[in-house]
PDB file of N, CA and C in Angstrom:
ATOM      1  N   MET A   1     104.211   5.410  89.228  1.00  0.00           N
ATOM      2  CA  MET A   1     104.036   3.985  89.352  1.00  0.00           C
ATOM      3  C   MET A   1     105.427   3.359  89.551  1.00  0.00           C
ATOM      4  N   PRO A   2     105.606   2.591  90.582  1.00  0.00           N
ATOM      5  CA  PRO A   2     106.926   2.009  90.834  1.00  0.00           C
ATOM      6  C   PRO A   2     107.261   0.918  89.824  1.00  0.00           C
ATOM      7  N   ASP A   3     108.523   0.822  89.545  1.00  0.00           N
ATOM      8  CA  ASP A   3     108.996  -0.209  88.626  1.00  0.00           C
ATOM      9  C   ASP A   3     109.324  -1.453  89.434  1.00  0.00           C
ATOM     10  N   LEU A   4     108.436  -2.426  89.421  1.00  0.00           N
ATOM     11  CA  LEU A   4     108.611  -3.616  90.243  1.00  0.00           C
ATOM     12  C   LEU A   4     109.722  -4.519  89.720  1.00  0.00           C
ATOM     13  N   ARG A   5     110.067  -4.371  88.448  1.00  0.00           N
ATOM     14  CA  ARG A   5     111.183  -5.161  87.929  1.00  0.00           C
ATOM     15  C   ARG A   5     112.476  -4.767  88.626  1.00  0.00           C
ATOM     16  N   PHE A   6     112.609  -3.458  88.923  1.00  0.00           N
ATOM     17  CA  PHE A   6     113.811  -3.011  89.623  1.00  0.00           C
ATOM     18  C   PHE A   6     113.877  -3.653  90.999  1.00  0.00           C
ATOM     19  N   GLU A   7     112.755  -3.684  91.703  1.00  0.00           N
ATOM     20  CA  GLU A   7     112.769  -4.225  93.060  1.00  0.00           C
ATOM     21  C   GLU A   7     113.198  -5.690  93.052  1.00  0.00           C
ATOM     22  N   TYR A   8     112.664  -6.472  92.139  1.00  0.00           N
ATOM     23  CA  TYR A   8     113.028  -7.891  92.065  1.00  0.00           C
ATOM     24  C   TYR A   8     114.515  -8.041  91.748  1.00  0.00           C
ATOM     25  N   THR A   9     114.999  -7.291  90.777  1.00  0.00           N
ATOM     26  CA  THR A   9     116.407  -7.372  90.389  1.00  0.00           C
ATOM     27  C   THR A   9     117.310  -6.900  91.523  1.00  0.00           C
ATOM     28  N   TYR A  10     116.920  -5.829  92.173  1.00  0.00           N
ATOM     29  CA  TYR A  10     117.722  -5.286  93.271  1.00  0.00           C
ATOM     30  C   TYR A  10     117.811  -6.303  94.411  1.00  0.00           C
ATOM     31  N   LEU A  11     116.685  -6.873  94.803  1.00  0.00           N
ATOM     32  CA  LEU A  11     116.697  -7.858  95.885  1.00  0.00           C
ATOM     33  C   LEU A  11     117.508  -9.091  95.504  1.00  0.00           C
ATOM     34  N   ARG A  12     117.419  -9.494  94.263  1.00  0.00           N
ATOM     35  CA  ARG A  12     118.205 -10.643  93.805  1.00  0.00           C
ATOM     36  C   ARG A  12     119.702 -10.338  93.849  1.00  0.00           C
ATOM     37  N   ASN A  13     120.082  -9.112  93.514  1.00  0.00           N
ATOM     38  CA  ASN A  13     121.502  -8.742  93.516  1.00  0.00           C
ATOM     39  C   ASN A  13     122.078  -8.617  94.917  1.00  0.00           C
ATOM     40  N   ILE A  14     121.287  -8.111  95.860  1.00  0.00           N
ATOM     41  CA  ILE A  14     121.836  -7.934  97.207  1.00  0.00           C
ATOM     42  C   ILE A  14     121.676  -9.189  98.060  1.00  0.00           C
ATOM     43  N   ARG A  15     120.952 -10.170  97.585  1.00  0.00           N
ATOM     44  CA  ARG A  15     120.704 -11.387  98.364  1.00  0.00           C
ATOM     45  C   ARG A  15     122.008 -12.057  98.806  1.00  0.00           C
ATOM     46  N   ARG A  16     123.008 -12.067  97.959  1.00  0.00           N
ATOM     47  CA  ARG A  16     124.258 -12.752  98.304  1.00  0.00           C
ATOM     48  C   ARG A  16     125.098 -11.975  99.306  1.00  0.00           C
ATOM     49  N   HIS A  17     124.720 -10.713  99.591  1.00  0.00           N
ATOM     50  CA  HIS A  17     125.469  -9.900 100.545  1.00  0.00           C
ATOM     51  C   HIS A  17     124.738  -9.752 101.883  1.00  0.00           C
ATOM     52  N   VAL A  18     123.575 -10.351 102.006  1.00  0.00           N
ATOM     53  CA  VAL A  18     122.809 -10.328 103.253  1.00  0.00           C
ATOM     54  C   VAL A  18     122.699 -11.767 103.740  1.00  0.00           C
ATOM     55  N   HIS A  19     123.181 -12.018 104.936  1.00  0.00           N
ATOM     56  CA  HIS A  19     123.190 -13.375 105.493  1.00  0.00           C
ATOM     57  C   HIS A  19     122.350 -13.405 106.764  1.00  0.00           C
ATOM     58  N   VAL A  20     121.416 -14.349 106.826  1.00  0.00           N
ATOM     59  CA  VAL A  20     120.563 -14.515 107.994  1.00  0.00           C
ATOM     60  C   VAL A  20     120.889 -15.863 108.608  1.00  0.00           C
ATOM     61  N   GLU A  21     121.202 -15.839 109.898  1.00  0.00           N
ATOM     62  CA  GLU A  21     121.511 -17.080 110.619  1.00  0.00           C
ATOM     63  C   GLU A  21     120.535 -17.238 111.774  1.00  0.00           C
ATOM     64  N   HIS A  22     120.068 -18.454 111.973  1.00  0.00           N
ATOM     65  CA  HIS A  22     119.205 -18.772 113.117  1.00  0.00           C
ATOM     66  C   HIS A  22     120.105 -19.329 114.213  1.00  0.00           C
ATOM     67  N   VAL A  23     120.106 -18.665 115.345  1.00  0.00           N
ATOM     68  CA  VAL A  23     120.999 -19.028 116.441  1.00  0.00           C
ATOM     69  C   VAL A  23     120.152 -19.482 117.628  1.00  0.00           C
ATOM     70  N   LYS A  24     120.518 -20.637 118.170  1.00  0.00           N
ATOM     71  CA  LYS A  24     119.854 -21.125 119.374  1.00  0.00           C
ATOM     72  C   LYS A  24     120.646 -20.661 120.590  1.00  0.00           C
ATOM     73  N   PRO A  25     119.949 -20.305 121.656  1.00  0.00           N
ATOM     74  CA  PRO A  25     120.689 -19.889 122.854  1.00  0.00           C
ATOM     75  C   PRO A  25     121.415 -21.092 123.450  1.00  0.00           C
ATOM     76  N   PRO A  26     122.526 -20.845 124.125  1.00  0.00           N
ATOM     77  CA  PRO A  26     123.250 -21.983 124.724  1.00  0.00           C
ATOM     78  C   PRO A  26     122.371 -22.681 125.769  1.00  0.00           C
ATOM     79  N   THR A  27     122.417 -23.995 125.798  1.00  0.00           N
ATOM     80  CA  THR A  27     121.604 -24.770 126.749  1.00  0.00           C
ATOM     81  C   THR A  27     122.334 -24.872 128.073  1.00  0.00           C
ATOM     82  N   GLN A  28     121.563 -24.864 129.098  1.00  0.00           N
ATOM     83  CA  GLN A  28     122.136 -25.012 130.430  1.00  0.00           C
ATOM     84  C   GLN A  28     122.072 -26.483 130.815  1.00  0.00           C
ATOM     85  N   SER A  29     123.142 -26.969 131.410  1.00  0.00           N
ATOM     86  CA  SER A  29     123.202 -28.396 131.729  1.00  0.00           C
ATOM     87  C   SER A  29     122.237 -28.783 132.843  1.00  0.00           C
ATOM     88  N   GLY A  30     121.936 -27.883 133.777  1.00  0.00           N
ATOM     89  CA  GLY A  30     121.065 -28.235 134.894  1.00  0.00           C
ATOM     90  C   GLY A  30     119.633 -27.791 134.683  1.00  0.00           C
ATOM     91  N   ALA A  31     119.247 -27.487 133.480  1.00  0.00           N
ATOM     92  CA  ALA A  31     117.895 -26.997 133.227  1.00  0.00           C
ATOM     93  C   ALA A  31     116.897 -28.132 133.305  1.00  0.00           C
ATOM     94  N   ALA A  32     115.709 -27.775 133.665  1.00  0.00           N
ATOM     95  CA  ALA A  32     114.638 -28.771 133.725  1.00  0.00           C
ATOM     96  C   ALA A  32     114.232 -29.129 132.305  1.00  0.00           C
ATOM     97  N   GLU A  33     113.362 -30.115 132.209  1.00  0.00           N
ATOM     98  CA  GLU A  33     112.979 -30.573 130.878  1.00  0.00           C
ATOM     99  C   GLU A  33     112.269 -29.455 130.124  1.00  0.00           C
ATOM    100  N   LYS A  34     112.636 -29.335 128.862  1.00  0.00           N
ATOM    101  CA  LYS A  34     112.056 -28.292 128.007  1.00  0.00           C
ATOM    102  C   LYS A  34     111.428 -28.986 126.805  1.00  0.00           C
ATOM    103  N   ASN A  35     110.362 -28.478 126.358  1.00  0.00           N
ATOM    104  CA  ASN A  35     109.801 -29.057 125.144  1.00  0.00           C
ATOM    105  C   ASN A  35     110.322 -28.294 123.926  1.00  0.00           C
ATOM    106  N   GLU A  36     110.095 -28.854 122.772  1.00  0.00           N
ATOM    107  CA  GLU A  36     110.679 -28.300 121.539  1.00  0.00           C
ATOM    108  C   GLU A  36     110.096 -26.951 121.172  1.00  0.00           C
ATOM    109  N   SER A  37     108.866 -26.685 121.536  1.00  0.00           N
ATOM    110  CA  SER A  37     108.259 -25.404 121.166  1.00  0.00           C
ATOM    111  C   SER A  37     108.923 -24.254 121.910  1.00  0.00           C
ATOM    112  N   ASP A  38     109.348 -24.480 123.170  1.00  0.00           N
ATOM    113  CA  ASP A  38     110.047 -23.431 123.909  1.00  0.00           C
ATOM    114  C   ASP A  38     111.390 -23.110 123.255  1.00  0.00           C
ATOM    115  N   GLU A  39     112.081 -24.130 122.770  1.00  0.00           N
ATOM    116  CA  GLU A  39     113.374 -23.909 122.114  1.00  0.00           C
ATOM    117  C   GLU A  39     113.191 -23.149 120.807  1.00  0.00           C
ATOM    118  N   ALA A  40     112.138 -23.497 120.062  1.00  0.00           N
ATOM    119  CA  ALA A  40     111.892 -22.812 118.796  1.00  0.00           C
ATOM    120  C   ALA A  40     111.523 -21.355 119.034  1.00  0.00           C
ATOM    121  N   ALA A  41     110.808 -21.090 120.121  1.00  0.00           N
ATOM    122  CA  ALA A  41     110.415 -19.722 120.423  1.00  0.00           C
ATOM    123  C   ALA A  41     111.617 -18.886 120.833  1.00  0.00           C
ATOM    124  N   ARG A  42     112.618 -19.477 121.438  1.00  0.00           N
ATOM    125  CA  ARG A  42     113.785 -18.728 121.900  1.00  0.00           C
ATOM    126  C   ARG A  42     114.855 -18.575 120.819  1.00  0.00           C
ATOM    127  N   GLU A  43     114.681 -19.216 119.685  1.00  0.00           N
ATOM    128  CA  GLU A  43     115.656 -19.109 118.605  1.00  0.00           C
ATOM    129  C   GLU A  43     115.646 -17.687 118.064  1.00  0.00           C
ATOM    130  N   THR A  44     116.814 -17.120 117.833  1.00  0.00           N
ATOM    131  CA  THR A  44     116.915 -15.749 117.331  1.00  0.00           C
ATOM    132  C   THR A  44     117.583 -15.744 115.960  1.00  0.00           C
ATOM    133  N   GLU A  45     117.381 -14.631 115.274  1.00  0.00           N
ATOM    134  CA  GLU A  45     117.997 -14.460 113.965  1.00  0.00           C
ATOM    135  C   GLU A  45     119.115 -13.433 114.070  1.00  0.00           C
ATOM    136  N   VAL A  46     120.228 -13.747 113.452  1.00  0.00           N
ATOM    137  CA  VAL A  46     121.339 -12.806 113.367  1.00  0.00           C
ATOM    138  C   VAL A  46     121.508 -12.464 111.889  1.00  0.00           C
ATOM    139  N   VAL A  47     121.435 -11.175 111.586  1.00  0.00           N
ATOM    140  CA  VAL A  47     121.529 -10.726 110.199  1.00  0.00           C
ATOM    141  C   VAL A  47     122.870 -10.024 110.019  1.00  0.00           C
ATOM    142  N   ARG A  48     123.621 -10.506 109.064  1.00  0.00           N
ATOM    143  CA  ARG A  48     124.910  -9.883 108.718  1.00  0.00           C
ATOM    144  C   ARG A  48     124.795  -9.311 107.306  1.00  0.00           C
ATOM    145  N   VAL A  49     125.138  -8.049 107.186  1.00  0.00           N
ATOM    146  CA  VAL A  49     125.016  -7.363 105.899  1.00  0.00           C
ATOM    147  C   VAL A  49     126.376  -6.800 105.514  1.00  0.00           C
ATOM    148  N   ALA A  50     126.791  -7.051 104.301  1.00  0.00           N
ATOM    149  CA  ALA A  50     128.013  -6.440 103.761  1.00  0.00           C
ATOM    150  C   ALA A  50     127.598  -5.089 103.178  1.00  0.00           C
ATOM    151  N   TRP A  51     127.596  -4.061 104.039  1.00  0.00           N
ATOM    152  CA  TRP A  51     127.051  -2.768 103.658  1.00  0.00           C
ATOM    153  C   TRP A  51     127.791  -2.123 102.495  1.00  0.00           C
ATOM    154  N   GLY A  52     129.068  -2.343 102.398  1.00  0.00           N
ATOM    155  CA  GLY A  52     129.820  -1.770 101.275  1.00  0.00           C
ATOM    156  C   GLY A  52     129.329  -2.303  99.940  1.00  0.00           C
ATOM    157  N   ASN A  53     129.094  -3.602  99.878  1.00  0.00           N
ATOM    158  CA  ASN A  53     128.606  -4.201  98.631  1.00  0.00           C
ATOM    159  C   ASN A  53     127.176  -3.776  98.326  1.00  0.00           C
ATOM    160  N   VAL A  54     126.340  -3.706  99.359  1.00  0.00           N
ATOM    161  CA  VAL A  54     124.952  -3.274  99.159  1.00  0.00           C
ATOM    162  C   VAL A  54     124.921  -1.817  98.695  1.00  0.00           C
ATOM    163  N   LEU A  55     125.773  -0.987  99.282  1.00  0.00           N
ATOM    164  CA  LEU A  55     125.845   0.416  98.872  1.00  0.00           C
ATOM    165  C   LEU A  55     126.320   0.536  97.420  1.00  0.00           C
ATOM    166  N   TRP A  56     127.314  -0.246  97.031  1.00  0.00           N
ATOM    167  CA  TRP A  56     127.805  -0.207  95.650  1.00  0.00           C
ATOM    168  C   TRP A  56     126.712  -0.625  94.672  1.00  0.00           C
ATOM    169  N   ILE A  57     125.976  -1.684  94.992  1.00  0.00           N
ATOM    170  CA  ILE A  57     124.891  -2.137  94.104  1.00  0.00           C
ATOM    171  C   ILE A  57     123.817  -1.059  93.995  1.00  0.00           C
ATOM    172  N   THR A  58     123.489  -0.428  95.114  1.00  0.00           N
ATOM    173  CA  THR A  58     122.470   0.621  95.101  1.00  0.00           C
ATOM    174  C   THR A  58     122.916   1.812  94.258  1.00  0.00           C
ATOM    175  N   VAL A  59     124.137   2.267  94.449  1.00  0.00           N
ATOM    176  CA  VAL A  59     124.639   3.407  93.664  1.00  0.00           C
ATOM    177  C   VAL A  59     124.723   3.041  92.189  1.00  0.00           C
ATOM    178  N   LYS A  60     125.171   1.844  91.908  1.00  0.00           N
ATOM    179  CA  LYS A  60     125.309   1.412  90.513  1.00  0.00           C
ATOM    180  C   LYS A  60     123.959   1.392  89.812  1.00  0.00           C
ATOM    181  N   GLU A  61     122.932   0.862  90.486  1.00  0.00           N
ATOM    182  CA  GLU A  61     121.635   0.710  89.830  1.00  0.00           C
ATOM    183  C   GLU A  61     120.779   1.962  89.888  1.00  0.00           C
ATOM    184  N   GLN A  62     120.978   2.812  90.895  1.00  0.00           N
ATOM    185  CA  GLN A  62     120.131   3.993  91.046  1.00  0.00           C
ATOM    186  C   GLN A  62     120.774   5.278  90.536  1.00  0.00           C
ATOM    187  N   VAL A  63     122.111   5.328  90.469  1.00  0.00           N
ATOM    188  CA  VAL A  63     122.780   6.560  90.056  1.00  0.00           C
ATOM    189  C   VAL A  63     123.533   6.358  88.744  1.00  0.00           C
ATOM    190  N   LEU A  64     124.446   5.406  88.730  1.00  0.00           N
ATOM    191  CA  LEU A  64     125.302   5.243  87.553  1.00  0.00           C
ATOM    192  C   LEU A  64     124.543   4.733  86.331  1.00  0.00           C
ATOM    193  N   GLY A  65     123.651   3.779  86.529  1.00  0.00           N
ATOM    194  CA  GLY A  65     122.881   3.244  85.398  1.00  0.00           C
ATOM    195  C   GLY A  65     122.063   4.313  84.695  1.00  0.00           C
ATOM    196  N   PRO A  66     121.215   5.059  85.427  1.00  0.00           N
ATOM    197  CA  PRO A  66     120.456   6.129  84.768  1.00  0.00           C
ATOM    198  C   PRO A  66     121.345   7.234  84.190  1.00  0.00           C
ATOM    199  N   LEU A  67     122.473   7.536  84.860  1.00  0.00           N
ATOM    200  CA  LEU A  67     123.376   8.560  84.342  1.00  0.00           C
ATOM    201  C   LEU A  67     123.962   8.145  82.995  1.00  0.00           C
ATOM    202  N   VAL A  68     124.447   6.932  82.904  1.00  0.00           N
ATOM    203  CA  VAL A  68     125.016   6.443  81.641  1.00  0.00           C
ATOM    204  C   VAL A  68     123.941   6.383  80.565  1.00  0.00           C
ATOM    205  N   GLN A  69     122.750   5.915  80.935  1.00  0.00           N
ATOM    206  CA  GLN A  69     121.664   5.850  79.963  1.00  0.00           C
ATOM    207  C   GLN A  69     121.315   7.248  79.448  1.00  0.00           C
ATOM    208  N   GLY A  70     121.244   8.235  80.341  1.00  0.00           N
ATOM    209  CA  GLY A  70     120.959   9.607  79.928  1.00  0.00           C
ATOM    210  C   GLY A  70     122.051  10.180  79.041  1.00  0.00           C
ATOM    211  N   LEU A  71     123.306   9.883  79.372  1.00  0.00           N
ATOM    212  CA  LEU A  71     124.411  10.364  78.536  1.00  0.00           C
ATOM    213  C   LEU A  71     124.352   9.764  77.135  1.00  0.00           C
ATOM    214  N   LEU A  72     124.040   8.478  77.060  1.00  0.00           N
ATOM    215  CA  LEU A  72     123.952   7.842  75.745  1.00  0.00           C
ATOM    216  C   LEU A  72     122.801   8.423  74.922  1.00  0.00           C
ATOM    217  N   TRP A  73     121.639   8.619  75.554  1.00  0.00           N
ATOM    218  CA  TRP A  73     120.511   9.211  74.829  1.00  0.00           C
ATOM    219  C   TRP A  73     120.836  10.648  74.418  1.00  0.00           C
ATOM    220  N   GLY A  74     121.520  11.397  75.291  1.00  0.00           N
ATOM    221  CA  GLY A  74     121.899  12.769  74.948  1.00  0.00           C
ATOM    222  C   GLY A  74     122.877  12.821  73.785  1.00  0.00           C
ATOM    223  N   ALA A  75     123.868  11.926  73.815  1.00  0.00           N
ATOM    224  CA  ALA A  75     124.834  11.881  72.712  1.00  0.00           C
ATOM    225  C   ALA A  75     124.157  11.460  71.413  1.00  0.00           C
ATOM    226  N   LEU A  76     123.261  10.500  71.501  1.00  0.00           N
ATOM    227  CA  LEU A  76     122.527  10.074  70.307  1.00  0.00           C
ATOM    228  C   LEU A  76     121.713  11.232  69.749  1.00  0.00           C
ATOM    229  N   ARG A  77     121.053  11.960  70.631  1.00  0.00           N
ATOM    230  CA  ARG A  77     120.250  13.105  70.200  1.00  0.00           C
ATOM    231  C   ARG A  77     121.148  14.196  69.623  1.00  0.00           C
ATOM    232  N   TRP A  78     122.296  14.410  70.239  1.00  0.00           N
ATOM    233  CA  TRP A  78     123.224  15.453  69.802  1.00  0.00           C
ATOM    234  C   TRP A  78     123.674  15.216  68.360  1.00  0.00           C
ATOM    235  N   TYR A  79     123.895  13.954  68.010  1.00  0.00           N
ATOM    236  CA  TYR A  79     124.359  13.635  66.657  1.00  0.00           C
ATOM    237  C   TYR A  79     123.227  13.286  65.708  1.00  0.00           C
ATOM    238  N   PHE A  80     122.127  12.767  66.216  1.00  0.00           N
ATOM    239  CA  PHE A  80     121.051  12.300  65.343  1.00  0.00           C
ATOM    240  C   PHE A  80     120.244  13.453  64.758  1.00  0.00           C
ATOM    241  N   ILE A  81     119.923  14.458  65.558  1.00  0.00           N
ATOM    242  CA  ILE A  81     119.070  15.551  65.067  1.00  0.00           C
ATOM    243  C   ILE A  81     119.730  16.311  63.921  1.00  0.00           C
ATOM    244  N   PRO A  82     121.001  16.727  64.009  1.00  0.00           N
ATOM    245  CA  PRO A  82     121.615  17.379  62.844  1.00  0.00           C
ATOM    246  C   PRO A  82     121.719  16.443  61.634  1.00  0.00           C
ATOM    247  N   ALA A  83     122.021  15.178  61.885  1.00  0.00           N
ATOM    248  CA  ALA A  83     122.104  14.232  60.759  1.00  0.00           C
ATOM    249  C   ALA A  83     120.739  14.063  60.109  1.00  0.00           C
ATOM    250  N   ALA A  84     119.675  14.022  60.910  1.00  0.00           N
ATOM    251  CA  ALA A  84     118.328  13.897  60.353  1.00  0.00           C
ATOM    252  C   ALA A  84     117.950  15.146  59.567  1.00  0.00           C
ATOM    253  N   ALA A  85     118.357  16.322  60.039  1.00  0.00           N
ATOM    254  CA  ALA A  85     118.065  17.563  59.315  1.00  0.00           C
ATOM    255  C   ALA A  85     118.784  17.577  57.968  1.00  0.00           C
ATOM    256  N   ILE A  86     120.040  17.174  57.953  1.00  0.00           N
ATOM    257  CA  ILE A  86     120.799  17.121  56.695  1.00  0.00           C
ATOM    258  C   ILE A  86     120.170  16.110  55.743  1.00  0.00           C
ATOM    259  N   PHE A  87     119.788  14.949  56.281  1.00  0.00           N
ATOM    260  CA  PHE A  87     119.129  13.953  55.444  1.00  0.00           C
ATOM    261  C   PHE A  87     117.831  14.509  54.862  1.00  0.00           C
ATOM    262  N   GLY A  88     117.057  15.225  55.695  1.00  0.00           N
ATOM    263  CA  GLY A  88     115.799  15.807  55.217  1.00  0.00           C
ATOM    264  C   GLY A  88     116.022  16.822  54.111  1.00  0.00           C
ATOM    265  N   GLN A  89     117.053  17.653  54.254  1.00  0.00           N
ATOM    266  CA  GLN A  89     117.357  18.634  53.211  1.00  0.00           C
ATOM    267  C   GLN A  89     117.756  17.940  51.915  1.00  0.00           C
ATOM    268  N   ASN A  90     118.601  16.939  52.041  1.00  0.00           N
ATOM    269  CA  ASN A  90     119.027  16.214  50.834  1.00  0.00           C
ATOM    270  C   ASN A  90     117.862  15.489  50.188  1.00  0.00           C
ATOM    271  N   PHE A  91     116.990  14.919  50.993  1.00  0.00           N
ATOM    272  CA  PHE A  91     115.844  14.206  50.449  1.00  0.00           C
ATOM    273  C   PHE A  91     114.906  15.166  49.737  1.00  0.00           C
ATOM    274  N   ARG A  92     114.641  16.333  50.339  1.00  0.00           N
ATOM    275  CA  ARG A  92     113.770  17.322  49.692  1.00  0.00           C
ATOM    276  C   ARG A  92     114.371  17.804  48.377  1.00  0.00           C
ATOM    277  N   ALA A  93     115.681  18.042  48.358  1.00  0.00           N
ATOM    278  CA  ALA A  93     116.330  18.485  47.123  1.00  0.00           C
ATOM    279  C   ALA A  93     116.235  17.405  46.052  1.00  0.00           C
ATOM    280  N   TRP A  94     116.453  16.159  46.449  1.00  0.00           N
ATOM    281  CA  TRP A  94     116.341  15.052  45.503  1.00  0.00           C
ATOM    282  C   TRP A  94     114.913  14.937  44.978  1.00  0.00           C
ATOM    283  N   TRP A  95     113.936  15.113  45.863  1.00  0.00           N
ATOM    284  CA  TRP A  95     112.535  15.001  45.475  1.00  0.00           C
ATOM    285  C   TRP A  95     112.159  16.109  44.499  1.00  0.00           C
ATOM    286  N   GLU A  96     112.640  17.323  44.771  1.00  0.00           N
ATOM    287  CA  GLU A  96     112.341  18.448  43.885  1.00  0.00           C
ATOM    288  C   GLU A  96     112.989  18.257  42.517  1.00  0.00           C
ATOM    289  N   ARG A  97     114.212  17.742  42.492  1.00  0.00           N
ATOM    290  CA  ARG A  97     114.861  17.475  41.205  1.00  0.00           C
ATOM    291  C   ARG A  97     114.063  16.446  40.416  1.00  0.00           C
ATOM    292  N   GLY A  98     113.619  15.390  41.089  1.00  0.00           N
ATOM    293  CA  GLY A  98     112.825  14.371  40.405  1.00  0.00           C
ATOM    294  C   GLY A  98     111.482  14.898  39.968  1.00  0.00           C
ATOM    295  N   ASN A  99     110.857  15.745  40.776  1.00  0.00           N
ATOM    296  CA  ASN A  99     109.562  16.313  40.445  1.00  0.00           C
ATOM    297  C   ASN A  99     109.686  17.264  39.256  1.00  0.00           C
ATOM    298  N   ALA A 100     110.776  18.051  39.229  1.00  0.00           N
ATOM    299  CA  ALA A 100     110.981  18.980  38.114  1.00  0.00           C
ATOM    300  C   ALA A 100     111.211  18.193  36.824  1.00  0.00           C
ATOM    301  N   LEU A 101     111.972  17.115  36.908  1.00  0.00           N
ATOM    302  CA  LEU A 101     112.224  16.287  35.736  1.00  0.00           C
ATOM    303  C   LEU A 101     110.935  15.643  35.243  1.00  0.00           C
ATOM    304  N   ALA A 102     110.122  15.157  36.154  1.00  0.00           N
ATOM    305  CA  ALA A 102     108.866  14.520  35.770  1.00  0.00           C
ATOM    306  C   ALA A 102     107.900  15.534  35.168  1.00  0.00           C
ATOM    307  N   SER A 103     107.882  16.757  35.697  1.00  0.00           N
ATOM    308  CA  SER A 103     106.962  17.760  35.149  1.00  0.00           C
ATOM    309  C   SER A 103     107.389  18.165  33.738  1.00  0.00           C
ATOM    310  N   ARG A 104     108.690  18.168  33.431  1.00  0.00           N
ATOM    311  CA  ARG A 104     109.126  18.452  32.073  1.00  0.00           C
ATOM    312  C   ARG A 104     108.690  17.353  31.121  1.00  0.00           C
ATOM    313  N   ARG A 105     108.712  16.122  31.592  1.00  0.00           N
ATOM    314  CA  ARG A 105     108.288  15.009  30.742  1.00  0.00           C
ATOM    315  C   ARG A 105     106.785  15.048  30.493  1.00  0.00           C
ATOM    316  N   ARG A 106     106.015  15.518  31.488  1.00  0.00           N
ATOM    317  CA  ARG A 106     104.562  15.557  31.356  1.00  0.00           C
ATOM    318  C   ARG A 106     104.096  16.813  30.643  1.00  0.00           C
ATOM    319  N   GLY A 107     104.958  17.735  30.415  1.00  0.00           N
ATOM    320  CA  GLY A 107     104.554  18.988  29.787  1.00  0.00           C
ATOM    321  C   GLY A 107     103.866  19.901  30.786  1.00  0.00           C
ATOM    322  N   ASP A 108     104.399  19.968  32.013  1.00  0.00           N
ATOM    323  CA  ASP A 108     103.904  20.819  33.097  1.00  0.00           C
ATOM    324  C   ASP A 108     102.493  20.460  33.553  1.00  0.00           C
ATOM    325  N   ARG A 109     102.082  19.255  33.332  1.00  0.00           N
ATOM    326  CA  ARG A 109     100.805  18.801  33.898  1.00  0.00           C
ATOM    327  C   ARG A 109     101.090  18.124  35.225  1.00  0.00           C
ATOM    328  N   GLN A 110     100.173  18.240  36.103  1.00  0.00           N
ATOM    329  CA  GLN A 110     100.315  17.570  37.380  1.00  0.00           C
ATOM    330  C   GLN A 110     100.020  16.086  37.194  1.00  0.00           C
ATOM    331  N   SER A 111     100.598  15.268  38.035  1.00  0.00           N
ATOM    332  CA  SER A 111     100.430  13.826  37.895  1.00  0.00           C
ATOM    333  C   SER A 111      99.005  13.392  38.198  1.00  0.00           C
ATOM    334  N   ILE A 112      98.264  14.193  38.920  1.00  0.00           N
ATOM    335  CA  ILE A 112      96.894  13.816  39.250  1.00  0.00           C
ATOM    336  C   ILE A 112      95.959  14.018  38.058  1.00  0.00           C
ATOM    337  N   ASP A 113      96.426  14.789  37.073  1.00  0.00           N
ATOM    338  CA  ASP A 113      95.565  15.045  35.912  1.00  0.00           C
ATOM    339  C   ASP A 113      95.178  13.766  35.195  1.00  0.00           C
ATOM    340  N   GLY A 114      96.092  12.828  35.088  1.00  0.00           N
ATOM    341  CA  GLY A 114      95.768  11.569  34.420  1.00  0.00           C
ATOM    342  C   GLY A 114      94.687  10.797  35.156  1.00  0.00           C
ATOM    343  N   VAL A 115      94.738  10.800  36.458  1.00  0.00           N
ATOM    344  CA  VAL A 115      93.718  10.109  37.258  1.00  0.00           C
ATOM    345  C   VAL A 115      92.391  10.843  37.125  1.00  0.00           C
ATOM    346  N   ARG A 116      92.427  12.178  37.163  1.00  0.00           N
ATOM    347  CA  ARG A 116      91.206  12.963  37.027  1.00  0.00           C
ATOM    348  C   ARG A 116      90.533  12.706  35.679  1.00  0.00           C
ATOM    349  N   ASN A 117      91.320  12.666  34.645  1.00  0.00           N
ATOM    350  CA  ASN A 117      90.760  12.428  33.315  1.00  0.00           C
ATOM    351  C   ASN A 117      90.181  11.024  33.193  1.00  0.00           C
ATOM    352  N   LEU A 118      90.772  10.096  33.899  1.00  0.00           N
ATOM    353  CA  LEU A 118      90.262   8.733  33.850  1.00  0.00           C
ATOM    354  C   LEU A 118      88.928   8.619  34.592  1.00  0.00           C
ATOM    355  N   VAL A 119      88.829   9.267  35.720  1.00  0.00           N
ATOM    356  CA  VAL A 119      87.609   9.181  36.529  1.00  0.00           C
ATOM    357  C   VAL A 119      86.539  10.116  35.992  1.00  0.00           C
ATOM    358  N   PHE A 120      86.907  11.330  35.664  1.00  0.00           N
ATOM    359  CA  PHE A 120      85.957  12.323  35.152  1.00  0.00           C
ATOM    360  C   PHE A 120      86.377  12.720  33.735  1.00  0.00           C
ATOM    361  N   PRO A 121      86.013  11.943  32.764  1.00  0.00           N
ATOM    362  CA  PRO A 121      86.438  12.302  31.394  1.00  0.00           C
ATOM    363  C   PRO A 121      85.788  13.606  30.945  1.00  0.00           C
ATOM    364  N   ARG A 122      86.563  14.395  30.216  1.00  0.00           N
ATOM    365  CA  ARG A 122      86.046  15.667  29.703  1.00  0.00           C
ATOM    366  C   ARG A 122      85.239  15.419  28.449  1.00  0.00           C
ATOM    367  N   ALA A 123      84.145  16.126  28.387  1.00  0.00           N
ATOM    368  CA  ALA A 123      83.312  16.009  27.166  1.00  0.00           C
ATOM    369  C   ALA A 123      83.933  16.883  26.096  1.00  0.00           C
ATOM    370  N   SER A 124      84.268  16.288  24.967  1.00  0.00           N
ATOM    371  CA  SER A 124      84.897  17.077  23.911  1.00  0.00           C
ATOM    372  C   SER A 124      83.966  17.245  22.766  1.00  0.00           C
TER     373      SER A 124
END
């Protein structure tokens, strides 16, 4: 699916480097009477393009932009995944220390036992 936002942005960026001029042909002094529609039909367009600027905008938006974005995501991934793994290890160790401490306080009963006893009381 094409990204139409790119097309709008690209056309807006190159608009200032593309110039369209409407040129009328030179009139002849001895010409017979002409009506305005004939003159409008003979009008031509001259398009001037600053190709160097258009090429730079195209390379910048199609090559350099995605390249820089990919490099940033790669660098983020390069540093984030090991940091996330270290954080996960530290979190698990912290959780186990807290769980071991809590189980000593409960006398090696699981924390769900209190809920079970509340919902399903044992007949004594």
